[in-house]
Amino acid sequence: MITAALVLLSVPSKGAFAVSKGILETVAQDCTKSTGSLRIEACAVRSVRPTDSGCLSFIVGGLIDSTGLAYLPDGAPYLGETRRDGDIGYEQYDGD
């Protein structure tokens, strides 16, 4: 019961992000493309993809849509839900 409550509150992912934040940023700054799964500290990463504006790290999770972390030093093109099929939606995430 407690585990279910912690998962519903996203405690595992928030904890993993908090522990891994520094190394995730370092990996994102380098942003070497990877299509194989890897572990970055406490985060299970499915793939890493460089973009023109930064780096996308897709993490294990999500039901239908891919989930991940974006490192975009100049900011996201927009914040919010995806606008059309194949688009990426962004929201600010700092682990809180």
PDB file of N, CA and C in Angstrom:
ATOM      1  N   MET A   1       0.825  -1.189   0.000  1.00  0.00           N
ATOM      2  CA  MET A   1       0.000   0.000   0.000  1.00  0.00           C
ATOM      3  C   MET A   1       0.877   1.262   0.000  1.00  0.00           C
ATOM      4  N   ILE A   2       1.900   1.269   0.831  1.00  0.00           N
ATOM      5  CA  ILE A   2       2.785   2.447   0.889  1.00  0.00           C
ATOM      6  C   ILE A   2       3.528   2.600  -0.430  1.00  0.00           C
ATOM      7  N   THR A   3       3.990   1.490  -1.012  1.00  0.00           N
ATOM      8  CA  THR A   3       4.696   1.552  -2.291  1.00  0.00           C
ATOM      9  C   THR A   3       3.805   2.154  -3.365  1.00  0.00           C
ATOM     10  N   ALA A   4       2.551   1.721  -3.425  1.00  0.00           N
ATOM     11  CA  ALA A   4       1.618   2.262  -4.419  1.00  0.00           C
ATOM     12  C   ALA A   4       1.445   3.759  -4.244  1.00  0.00           C
ATOM     13  N   ALA A   5       1.331   4.213  -3.000  1.00  0.00           N
ATOM     14  CA  ALA A   5       1.174   5.648  -2.743  1.00  0.00           C
ATOM     15  C   ALA A   5       2.416   6.416  -3.178  1.00  0.00           C
ATOM     16  N   LEU A   6       3.592   5.873  -2.908  1.00  0.00           N
ATOM     17  CA  LEU A   6       4.831   6.540  -3.299  1.00  0.00           C
ATOM     18  C   LEU A   6       4.945   6.629  -4.820  1.00  0.00           C
ATOM     19  N   VAL A   7       4.559   5.559  -5.519  1.00  0.00           N
ATOM     20  CA  VAL A   7       4.613   5.572  -6.977  1.00  0.00           C
ATOM     21  C   VAL A   7       3.622   6.582  -7.540  1.00  0.00           C
ATOM     22  N   LEU A   8       2.415   6.625  -6.998  1.00  0.00           N
ATOM     23  CA  LEU A   8       1.417   7.590  -7.466  1.00  0.00           C
ATOM     24  C   LEU A   8       1.888   9.027  -7.264  1.00  0.00           C
ATOM     25  N   LEU A   9       2.669   9.263  -6.233  1.00  0.00           N
ATOM     26  CA  LEU A   9       3.192  10.606  -5.969  1.00  0.00           C
ATOM     27  C   LEU A   9       4.505  10.860  -6.704  1.00  0.00           C
ATOM     28  N   SER A  10       4.936   9.915  -7.528  1.00  0.00           N
ATOM     29  CA  SER A  10       6.170  10.018  -8.324  1.00  0.00           C
ATOM     30  C   SER A  10       7.425  10.106  -7.463  1.00  0.00           C
ATOM     31  N   VAL A  11       7.395   9.570  -6.269  1.00  0.00           N
ATOM     32  CA  VAL A  11       8.566   9.636  -5.395  1.00  0.00           C
ATOM     33  C   VAL A  11       9.771   8.937  -6.009  1.00  0.00           C
ATOM     34  N   PRO A  12       9.618   7.720  -6.611  1.00  0.00           N
ATOM     35  CA  PRO A  12      10.813   7.092  -7.191  1.00  0.00           C
ATOM     36  C   PRO A  12      11.477   7.938  -8.268  1.00  0.00           C
ATOM     37  N   SER A  13      10.710   8.514  -9.207  1.00  0.00           N
ATOM     38  CA  SER A  13      11.320   9.300 -10.270  1.00  0.00           C
ATOM     39  C   SER A  13      11.895  10.612  -9.746  1.00  0.00           C
ATOM     40  N   LYS A  14      11.226  11.228  -8.793  1.00  0.00           N
ATOM     41  CA  LYS A  14      11.751  12.465  -8.212  1.00  0.00           C
ATOM     42  C   LYS A  14      13.035  12.200  -7.445  1.00  0.00           C
ATOM     43  N   GLY A  15      13.062  11.085  -6.712  1.00  0.00           N
ATOM     44  CA  GLY A  15      14.268  10.713  -5.974  1.00  0.00           C
ATOM     45  C   GLY A  15      15.417  10.402  -6.912  1.00  0.00           C
ATOM     46  N   ALA A  16      15.128   9.654  -7.969  1.00  0.00           N
ATOM     47  CA  ALA A  16      16.155   9.318  -8.953  1.00  0.00           C
ATOM     48  C   ALA A  16      16.699  10.582  -9.605  1.00  0.00           C
ATOM     49  N   PHE A  17      15.809  11.516  -9.944  1.00  0.00           N
ATOM     50  CA  PHE A  17      16.242  12.772 -10.558  1.00  0.00           C
ATOM     51  C   PHE A  17      17.112  13.578  -9.589  1.00  0.00           C
ATOM     52  N   ALA A  18      16.695  13.664  -8.331  1.00  0.00           N
ATOM     53  CA  ALA A  18      17.448  14.430  -7.336  1.00  0.00           C
ATOM     54  C   ALA A  18      18.861  13.876  -7.168  1.00  0.00           C
ATOM     55  N   VAL A  19      18.978  12.556  -7.114  1.00  0.00           N
ATOM     56  CA  VAL A  19      20.278  11.909  -6.932  1.00  0.00           C
ATOM     57  C   VAL A  19      21.138  12.074  -8.187  1.00  0.00           C
ATOM     58  N   SER A  20      20.513  12.086  -9.346  1.00  0.00           N
ATOM     59  CA  SER A  20      21.228  12.028 -10.624  1.00  0.00           C
ATOM     60  C   SER A  20      21.351  13.357 -11.356  1.00  0.00           C
ATOM     61  N   LYS A  21      20.784  14.418 -10.823  1.00  0.00           N
ATOM     62  CA  LYS A  21      20.686  15.690 -11.547  1.00  0.00           C
ATOM     63  C   LYS A  21      22.025  16.180 -12.104  1.00  0.00           C
ATOM     64  N   GLY A  22      23.071  16.166 -11.312  1.00  0.00           N
ATOM     65  CA  GLY A  22      24.369  16.667 -11.761  1.00  0.00           C
ATOM     66  C   GLY A  22      24.951  15.867 -12.904  1.00  0.00           C
ATOM     67  N   ILE A  23      24.951  14.549 -12.777  1.00  0.00           N
ATOM     68  CA  ILE A  23      25.517  13.706 -13.832  1.00  0.00           C
ATOM     69  C   ILE A  23      24.641  13.721 -15.072  1.00  0.00           C
ATOM     70  N   LEU A  24      23.315  13.827 -14.901  1.00  0.00           N
ATOM     71  CA  LEU A  24      22.429  13.948 -16.058  1.00  0.00           C
ATOM     72  C   LEU A  24      22.760  15.197 -16.866  1.00  0.00           C
ATOM     73  N   GLU A  25      23.034  16.293 -16.176  1.00  0.00           N
ATOM     74  CA  GLU A  25      23.391  17.536 -16.871  1.00  0.00           C
ATOM     75  C   GLU A  25      24.717  17.377 -17.612  1.00  0.00           C
ATOM     76  N   THR A  26      25.687  16.735 -16.979  1.00  0.00           N
ATOM     77  CA  THR A  26      26.984  16.507 -17.619  1.00  0.00           C
ATOM     78  C   THR A  26      26.832  15.649 -18.869  1.00  0.00           C
ATOM     79  N   VAL A  27      26.062  14.566 -18.766  1.00  0.00           N
ATOM     80  CA  VAL A  27      25.819  13.687 -19.914  1.00  0.00           C
ATOM     81  C   VAL A  27      25.097  14.459 -21.019  1.00  0.00           C
ATOM     82  N   ALA A  28      24.121  15.284 -20.642  1.00  0.00           N
ATOM     83  CA  ALA A  28      23.355  16.055 -21.624  1.00  0.00           C
ATOM     84  C   ALA A  28      24.225  17.100 -22.326  1.00  0.00           C
ATOM     85  N   GLN A  29      25.170  17.694 -21.621  1.00  0.00           N
ATOM     86  CA  GLN A  29      26.053  18.682 -22.240  1.00  0.00           C
ATOM     87  C   GLN A  29      26.930  18.022 -23.294  1.00  0.00           C
ATOM     88  N   ASP A  30      27.378  16.806 -23.021  1.00  0.00           N
ATOM     89  CA  ASP A  30      28.174  16.044 -23.988  1.00  0.00           C
ATOM     90  C   ASP A  30      27.264  15.508 -25.098  1.00  0.00           C
ATOM     91  N   CYS A  31      26.138  14.962 -24.728  1.00  0.00           N
ATOM     92  CA  CYS A  31      25.060  14.480 -25.602  1.00  0.00           C
ATOM     93  C   CYS A  31      25.536  13.582 -26.735  1.00  0.00           C
ATOM     94  N   THR A  32      26.165  12.491 -26.365  1.00  0.00           N
ATOM     95  CA  THR A  32      26.552  11.486 -27.339  1.00  0.00           C
ATOM     96  C   THR A  32      25.349  10.602 -27.630  1.00  0.00           C
ATOM     97  N   LYS A  33      24.993  10.471 -28.898  1.00  0.00           N
ATOM     98  CA  LYS A  33      23.814   9.690 -29.280  1.00  0.00           C
ATOM     99  C   LYS A  33      23.956   8.249 -28.793  1.00  0.00           C
ATOM    100  N   SER A  34      22.872   7.734 -28.245  1.00  0.00           N
ATOM    101  CA  SER A  34      22.838   6.359 -27.766  1.00  0.00           C
ATOM    102  C   SER A  34      21.458   5.792 -28.023  1.00  0.00           C
ATOM    103  N   THR A  35      21.394   4.635 -28.651  1.00  0.00           N
ATOM    104  CA  THR A  35      20.104   3.995 -28.882  1.00  0.00           C
ATOM    105  C   THR A  35      19.905   2.792 -27.977  1.00  0.00           C
ATOM    106  N   GLY A  36      20.910   2.481 -27.182  1.00  0.00           N
ATOM    107  CA  GLY A  36      20.803   1.369 -26.243  1.00  0.00           C
ATOM    108  C   GLY A  36      20.529   1.874 -24.846  1.00  0.00           C
ATOM    109  N   SER A  37      19.925   1.042 -24.041  1.00  0.00           N
ATOM    110  CA  SER A  37      19.618   1.419 -22.661  1.00  0.00           C
ATOM    111  C   SER A  37      20.894   1.589 -21.849  1.00  0.00           C
ATOM    112  N   LEU A  38      20.874   2.554 -20.955  1.00  0.00           N
ATOM    113  CA  LEU A  38      21.993   2.774 -20.052  1.00  0.00           C
ATOM    114  C   LEU A  38      21.467   3.308 -18.729  1.00  0.00           C
ATOM    115  N   ARG A  39      22.267   3.203 -17.711  1.00  0.00           N
ATOM    116  CA  ARG A  39      21.899   3.718 -16.402  1.00  0.00           C
ATOM    117  C   ARG A  39      22.796   4.909 -16.118  1.00  0.00           C
ATOM    118  N   ILE A  40      22.163   6.029 -15.787  1.00  0.00           N
ATOM    119  CA  ILE A  40      22.897   7.231 -15.402  1.00  0.00           C
ATOM    120  C   ILE A  40      22.526   7.484 -13.953  1.00  0.00           C
ATOM    121  N   GLU A  41      23.454   7.140 -13.073  1.00  0.00           N
ATOM    122  CA  GLU A  41      23.207   7.150 -11.624  1.00  0.00           C
ATOM    123  C   GLU A  41      21.962   6.329 -11.334  1.00  0.00           C
ATOM    124  N   ALA A  42      20.895   6.955 -10.841  1.00  0.00           N
ATOM    125  CA  ALA A  42      19.676   6.232 -10.470  1.00  0.00           C
ATOM    126  C   ALA A  42      18.622   6.227 -11.573  1.00  0.00           C
ATOM    127  N   CYS A  43      18.910   6.817 -12.725  1.00  0.00           N
ATOM    128  CA  CYS A  43      17.926   6.894 -13.813  1.00  0.00           C
ATOM    129  C   CYS A  43      18.215   5.858 -14.891  1.00  0.00           C
ATOM    130  N   ALA A  44      17.176   5.124 -15.280  1.00  0.00           N
ATOM    131  CA  ALA A  44      17.269   4.190 -16.398  1.00  0.00           C
ATOM    132  C   ALA A  44      16.923   4.954 -17.664  1.00  0.00           C
ATOM    133  N   VAL A  45      17.886   5.104 -18.550  1.00  0.00           N
ATOM    134  CA  VAL A  45      17.715   5.877 -19.779  1.00  0.00           C
ATOM    135  C   VAL A  45      17.627   4.914 -20.954  1.00  0.00           C
ATOM    136  N   ARG A  46      16.592   5.077 -21.763  1.00  0.00           N
ATOM    137  CA  ARG A  46      16.363   4.207 -22.918  1.00  0.00           C
ATOM    138  C   ARG A  46      17.202   4.636 -24.119  1.00  0.00           C
ATOM    139  N   SER A  47      17.349   5.958 -24.327  1.00  0.00           N
ATOM    140  CA  SER A  47      18.165   6.464 -25.426  1.00  0.00           C
ATOM    141  C   SER A  47      18.469   7.943 -25.206  1.00  0.00           C
ATOM    142  N   VAL A  48      19.507   8.413 -25.879  1.00  0.00           N
ATOM    143  CA  VAL A  48      19.915   9.824 -25.825  1.00  0.00           C
ATOM    144  C   VAL A  48      19.993  10.312 -27.265  1.00  0.00           C
ATOM    145  N   ARG A  49      19.417  11.504 -27.510  1.00  0.00           N
ATOM    146  CA  ARG A  49      19.390  12.034 -28.875  1.00  0.00           C
ATOM    147  C   ARG A  49      19.737  13.517 -28.881  1.00  0.00           C
ATOM    148  N   PRO A  50      20.816  13.896 -29.578  1.00  0.00           N
ATOM    149  CA  PRO A  50      21.121  15.325 -29.726  1.00  0.00           C
ATOM    150  C   PRO A  50      20.100  16.007 -30.621  1.00  0.00           C
ATOM    151  N   THR A  51      19.829  17.276 -30.347  1.00  0.00           N
ATOM    152  CA  THR A  51      18.958  18.092 -31.190  1.00  0.00           C
ATOM    153  C   THR A  51      19.700  19.389 -31.508  1.00  0.00           C
ATOM    154  N   ASP A  52      19.125  20.206 -32.372  1.00  0.00           N
ATOM    155  CA  ASP A  52      19.746  21.491 -32.708  1.00  0.00           C
ATOM    156  C   ASP A  52      19.857  22.397 -31.486  1.00  0.00           C
ATOM    157  N   SER A  53      18.935  22.248 -30.542  1.00  0.00           N
ATOM    158  CA  SER A  53      18.898  23.161 -29.393  1.00  0.00           C
ATOM    159  C   SER A  53      19.330  22.523 -28.071  1.00  0.00           C
ATOM    160  N   GLY A  54      19.764  21.259 -28.084  1.00  0.00           N
ATOM    161  CA  GLY A  54      20.179  20.627 -26.835  1.00  0.00           C
ATOM    162  C   GLY A  54      20.225  19.123 -26.937  1.00  0.00           C
ATOM    163  N   CYS A  55      19.636  18.467 -25.946  1.00  0.00           N
ATOM    164  CA  CYS A  55      19.733  17.020 -25.844  1.00  0.00           C
ATOM    165  C   CYS A  55      18.455  16.445 -25.236  1.00  0.00           C
ATOM    166  N   LEU A  56      17.984  15.323 -25.786  1.00  0.00           N
ATOM    167  CA  LEU A  56      16.823  14.622 -25.255  1.00  0.00           C
ATOM    168  C   LEU A  56      17.280  13.278 -24.702  1.00  0.00           C
ATOM    169  N   SER A  57      16.904  12.991 -23.474  1.00  0.00           N
ATOM    170  CA  SER A  57      17.174  11.694 -22.855  1.00  0.00           C
ATOM    171  C   SER A  57      15.829  11.037 -22.586  1.00  0.00           C
ATOM    172  N   PHE A  58      15.556   9.956 -23.286  1.00  0.00           N
ATOM    173  CA  PHE A  58      14.299   9.250 -23.103  1.00  0.00           C
ATOM    174  C   PHE A  58      14.482   8.242 -21.974  1.00  0.00           C
ATOM    175  N   ILE A  59      13.608   8.305 -20.989  1.00  0.00           N
ATOM    176  CA  ILE A  59      13.732   7.433 -19.828  1.00  0.00           C
ATOM    177  C   ILE A  59      12.698   6.314 -19.888  1.00  0.00           C
ATOM    178  N   VAL A  60      12.971   5.274 -19.149  1.00  0.00           N
ATOM    179  CA  VAL A  60      12.044   4.152 -19.073  1.00  0.00           C
ATOM    180  C   VAL A  60      10.806   4.623 -18.340  1.00  0.00           C
ATOM    181  N   GLY A  61       9.649   4.440 -18.936  1.00  0.00           N
ATOM    182  CA  GLY A  61       8.391   4.884 -18.347  1.00  0.00           C
ATOM    183  C   GLY A  61       7.451   5.381 -19.417  1.00  0.00           C
ATOM    184  N   GLY A  62       6.322   5.860 -18.997  1.00  0.00           N
ATOM    185  CA  GLY A  62       5.325   6.305 -19.958  1.00  0.00           C
ATOM    186  C   GLY A  62       4.534   5.110 -20.455  1.00  0.00           C
ATOM    187  N   LEU A  63       3.284   5.305 -20.735  1.00  0.00           N
ATOM    188  CA  LEU A  63       2.452   4.209 -21.213  1.00  0.00           C
ATOM    189  C   LEU A  63       2.474   4.135 -22.730  1.00  0.00           C
ATOM    190  N   ILE A  64       1.919   5.132 -23.386  1.00  0.00           N
ATOM    191  CA  ILE A  64       1.859   5.139 -24.843  1.00  0.00           C
ATOM    192  C   ILE A  64       2.938   6.056 -25.411  1.00  0.00           C
ATOM    193  N   ASP A  65       3.041   7.243 -24.854  1.00  0.00           N
ATOM    194  CA  ASP A  65       3.999   8.225 -25.336  1.00  0.00           C
ATOM    195  C   ASP A  65       5.350   8.054 -24.648  1.00  0.00           C
ATOM    196  N   SER A  66       6.400   8.453 -25.336  1.00  0.00           N
ATOM    197  CA  SER A  66       7.737   8.445 -24.744  1.00  0.00           C
ATOM    198  C   SER A  66       7.824   9.512 -23.670  1.00  0.00           C
ATOM    199  N   THR A  67       8.631   9.253 -22.679  1.00  0.00           N
ATOM    200  CA  THR A  67       8.854  10.181 -21.581  1.00  0.00           C
ATOM    201  C   THR A  67      10.345  10.418 -21.475  1.00  0.00           C
ATOM    202  N   GLY A  68      10.722  11.616 -21.081  1.00  0.00           N
ATOM    203  CA  GLY A  68      12.149  11.865 -20.952  1.00  0.00           C
ATOM    204  C   GLY A  68      12.466  13.211 -20.368  1.00  0.00           C
ATOM    205  N   LEU A  69      13.737  13.522 -20.419  1.00  0.00           N
ATOM    206  CA  LEU A  69      14.254  14.787 -19.922  1.00  0.00           C
ATOM    207  C   LEU A  69      14.930  15.503 -21.082  1.00  0.00           C
ATOM    208  N   ALA A  70      14.686  16.786 -21.176  1.00  0.00           N
ATOM    209  CA  ALA A  70      15.307  17.588 -22.230  1.00  0.00           C
ATOM    210  C   ALA A  70      16.272  18.575 -21.600  1.00  0.00           C
ATOM    211  N   TYR A  71      17.469  18.646 -22.131  1.00  0.00           N
ATOM    212  CA  TYR A  71      18.447  19.654 -21.728  1.00  0.00           C
ATOM    213  C   TYR A  71      18.477  20.675 -22.859  1.00  0.00           C
ATOM    214  N   LEU A  72      17.904  21.852 -22.606  1.00  0.00           N
ATOM    215  CA  LEU A  72      17.779  22.896 -23.616  1.00  0.00           C
ATOM    216  C   LEU A  72      18.293  24.208 -23.023  1.00  0.00           C
ATOM    217  N   PRO A  73      19.591  24.483 -23.139  1.00  0.00           N
ATOM    218  CA  PRO A  73      20.180  25.664 -22.507  1.00  0.00           C
ATOM    219  C   PRO A  73      19.485  26.984 -22.850  1.00  0.00           C
ATOM    220  N   ASP A  74      18.940  27.102 -24.048  1.00  0.00           N
ATOM    221  CA  ASP A  74      18.257  28.342 -24.446  1.00  0.00           C
ATOM    222  C   ASP A  74      16.756  28.288 -24.187  1.00  0.00           C
ATOM    223  N   GLY A  75      16.293  27.237 -23.526  1.00  0.00           N
ATOM    224  CA  GLY A  75      14.874  27.100 -23.211  1.00  0.00           C
ATOM    225  C   GLY A  75      14.126  26.270 -24.241  1.00  0.00           C
ATOM    226  N   ALA A  76      12.969  25.794 -23.832  1.00  0.00           N
ATOM    227  CA  ALA A  76      12.117  24.995 -24.713  1.00  0.00           C
ATOM    228  C   ALA A  76      11.450  25.889 -25.746  1.00  0.00           C
ATOM    229  N   PRO A  77      11.138  25.329 -26.923  1.00  0.00           N
ATOM    230  CA  PRO A  77      10.449  26.130 -27.938  1.00  0.00           C
ATOM    231  C   PRO A  77       9.086  26.619 -27.442  1.00  0.00           C
ATOM    232  N   TYR A  78       8.458  25.860 -26.568  1.00  0.00           N
ATOM    233  CA  TYR A  78       7.201  26.240 -25.922  1.00  0.00           C
ATOM    234  C   TYR A  78       6.988  25.305 -24.747  1.00  0.00           C
ATOM    235  N   LEU A  79       6.143  25.687 -23.808  1.00  0.00           N
ATOM    236  CA  LEU A  79       5.774  24.821 -22.694  1.00  0.00           C
ATOM    237  C   LEU A  79       4.330  24.393 -22.884  1.00  0.00           C
ATOM    238  N   GLY A  80       4.054  23.125 -22.685  1.00  0.00           N
ATOM    239  CA  GLY A  80       2.689  22.628 -22.801  1.00  0.00           C
ATOM    240  C   GLY A  80       2.614  21.297 -23.503  1.00  0.00           C
ATOM    241  N   GLU A  81       1.382  20.868 -23.718  1.00  0.00           N
ATOM    242  CA  GLU A  81       1.099  19.594 -24.380  1.00  0.00           C
ATOM    243  C   GLU A  81       1.597  19.618 -25.827  1.00  0.00           C
ATOM    244  N   THR A  82       1.696  18.426 -26.417  1.00  0.00           N
ATOM    245  CA  THR A  82       2.065  18.350 -27.825  1.00  0.00           C
ATOM    246  C   THR A  82       1.000  19.049 -28.663  1.00  0.00           C
ATOM    247  N   ARG A  83       1.410  19.678 -29.728  1.00  0.00           N
ATOM    248  CA  ARG A  83       0.479  20.429 -30.573  1.00  0.00           C
ATOM    249  C   ARG A  83      -0.079  19.574 -31.708  1.00  0.00           C
ATOM    250  N   ARG A  84       0.687  18.591 -32.149  1.00  0.00           N
ATOM    251  CA  ARG A  84       0.235  17.695 -33.218  1.00  0.00           C
ATOM    252  C   ARG A  84       1.020  16.382 -33.121  1.00  0.00           C
ATOM    253  N   ASP A  85       0.565  15.378 -33.826  1.00  0.00           N
ATOM    254  CA  ASP A  85       1.222  14.072 -33.817  1.00  0.00           C
ATOM    255  C   ASP A  85       2.703  14.197 -34.168  1.00  0.00           C
ATOM    256  N   GLY A  86       3.537  13.518 -33.428  1.00  0.00           N
ATOM    257  CA  GLY A  86       4.968  13.541 -33.691  1.00  0.00           C
ATOM    258  C   GLY A  86       5.699  14.699 -33.035  1.00  0.00           C
ATOM    259  N   ASP A  87       4.969  15.624 -32.452  1.00  0.00           N
ATOM    260  CA  ASP A  87       5.543  16.779 -31.761  1.00  0.00           C
ATOM    261  C   ASP A  87       5.993  16.381 -30.360  1.00  0.00           C
ATOM    262  N   ILE A  88       6.766  17.208 -29.726  1.00  0.00           N
ATOM    263  CA  ILE A  88       7.193  16.991 -28.342  1.00  0.00           C
ATOM    264  C   ILE A  88       6.594  18.086 -27.478  1.00  0.00           C
ATOM    265  N   GLY A  89       5.988  17.702 -26.370  1.00  0.00           N
ATOM    266  CA  GLY A  89       5.479  18.658 -25.396  1.00  0.00           C
ATOM    267  C   GLY A  89       6.502  18.822 -24.279  1.00  0.00           C
ATOM    268  N   TYR A  90       6.627  20.017 -23.757  1.00  0.00           N
ATOM    269  CA  TYR A  90       7.619  20.298 -22.720  1.00  0.00           C
ATOM    270  C   TYR A  90       6.950  20.889 -21.491  1.00  0.00           C
ATOM    271  N   GLU A  91       7.480  20.534 -20.320  1.00  0.00           N
ATOM    272  CA  GLU A  91       7.086  21.201 -19.079  1.00  0.00           C
ATOM    273  C   GLU A  91       8.320  21.327 -18.214  1.00  0.00           C
ATOM    274  N   GLN A  92       8.376  22.389 -17.443  1.00  0.00           N
ATOM    275  CA  GLN A  92       9.509  22.633 -16.551  1.00  0.00           C
ATOM    276  C   GLN A  92       9.550  21.516 -15.518  1.00  0.00           C
ATOM    277  N   TYR A  93      10.724  20.950 -15.269  1.00  0.00           N
ATOM    278  CA  TYR A  93      10.861  19.893 -14.266  1.00  0.00           C
ATOM    279  C   TYR A  93      12.149  20.106 -13.508  1.00  0.00           C
ATOM    280  N   ASP A  94      12.025  20.251 -12.210  1.00  0.00           N
ATOM    281  CA  ASP A  94      13.228  20.387 -11.396  1.00  0.00           C
ATOM    282  C   ASP A  94      13.269  19.349 -10.300  1.00  0.00           C
ATOM    283  N   GLY A  95      12.367  18.376 -10.374  1.00  0.00           N
ATOM    284  CA  GLY A  95      12.339  17.305  -9.392  1.00  0.00           C
ATOM    285  C   GLY A  95      11.393  17.547  -8.242  1.00  0.00           C
ATOM    286  N   ASP A  96      10.787  18.741  -8.178  1.00  0.00           N
ATOM    287  CA  ASP A  96       9.853  19.036  -7.088  1.00  0.00           C
ATOM    288  C   ASP A  96       8.459  18.593  -7.418  1.00  0.00           C
TER     289      ASP A  96
END
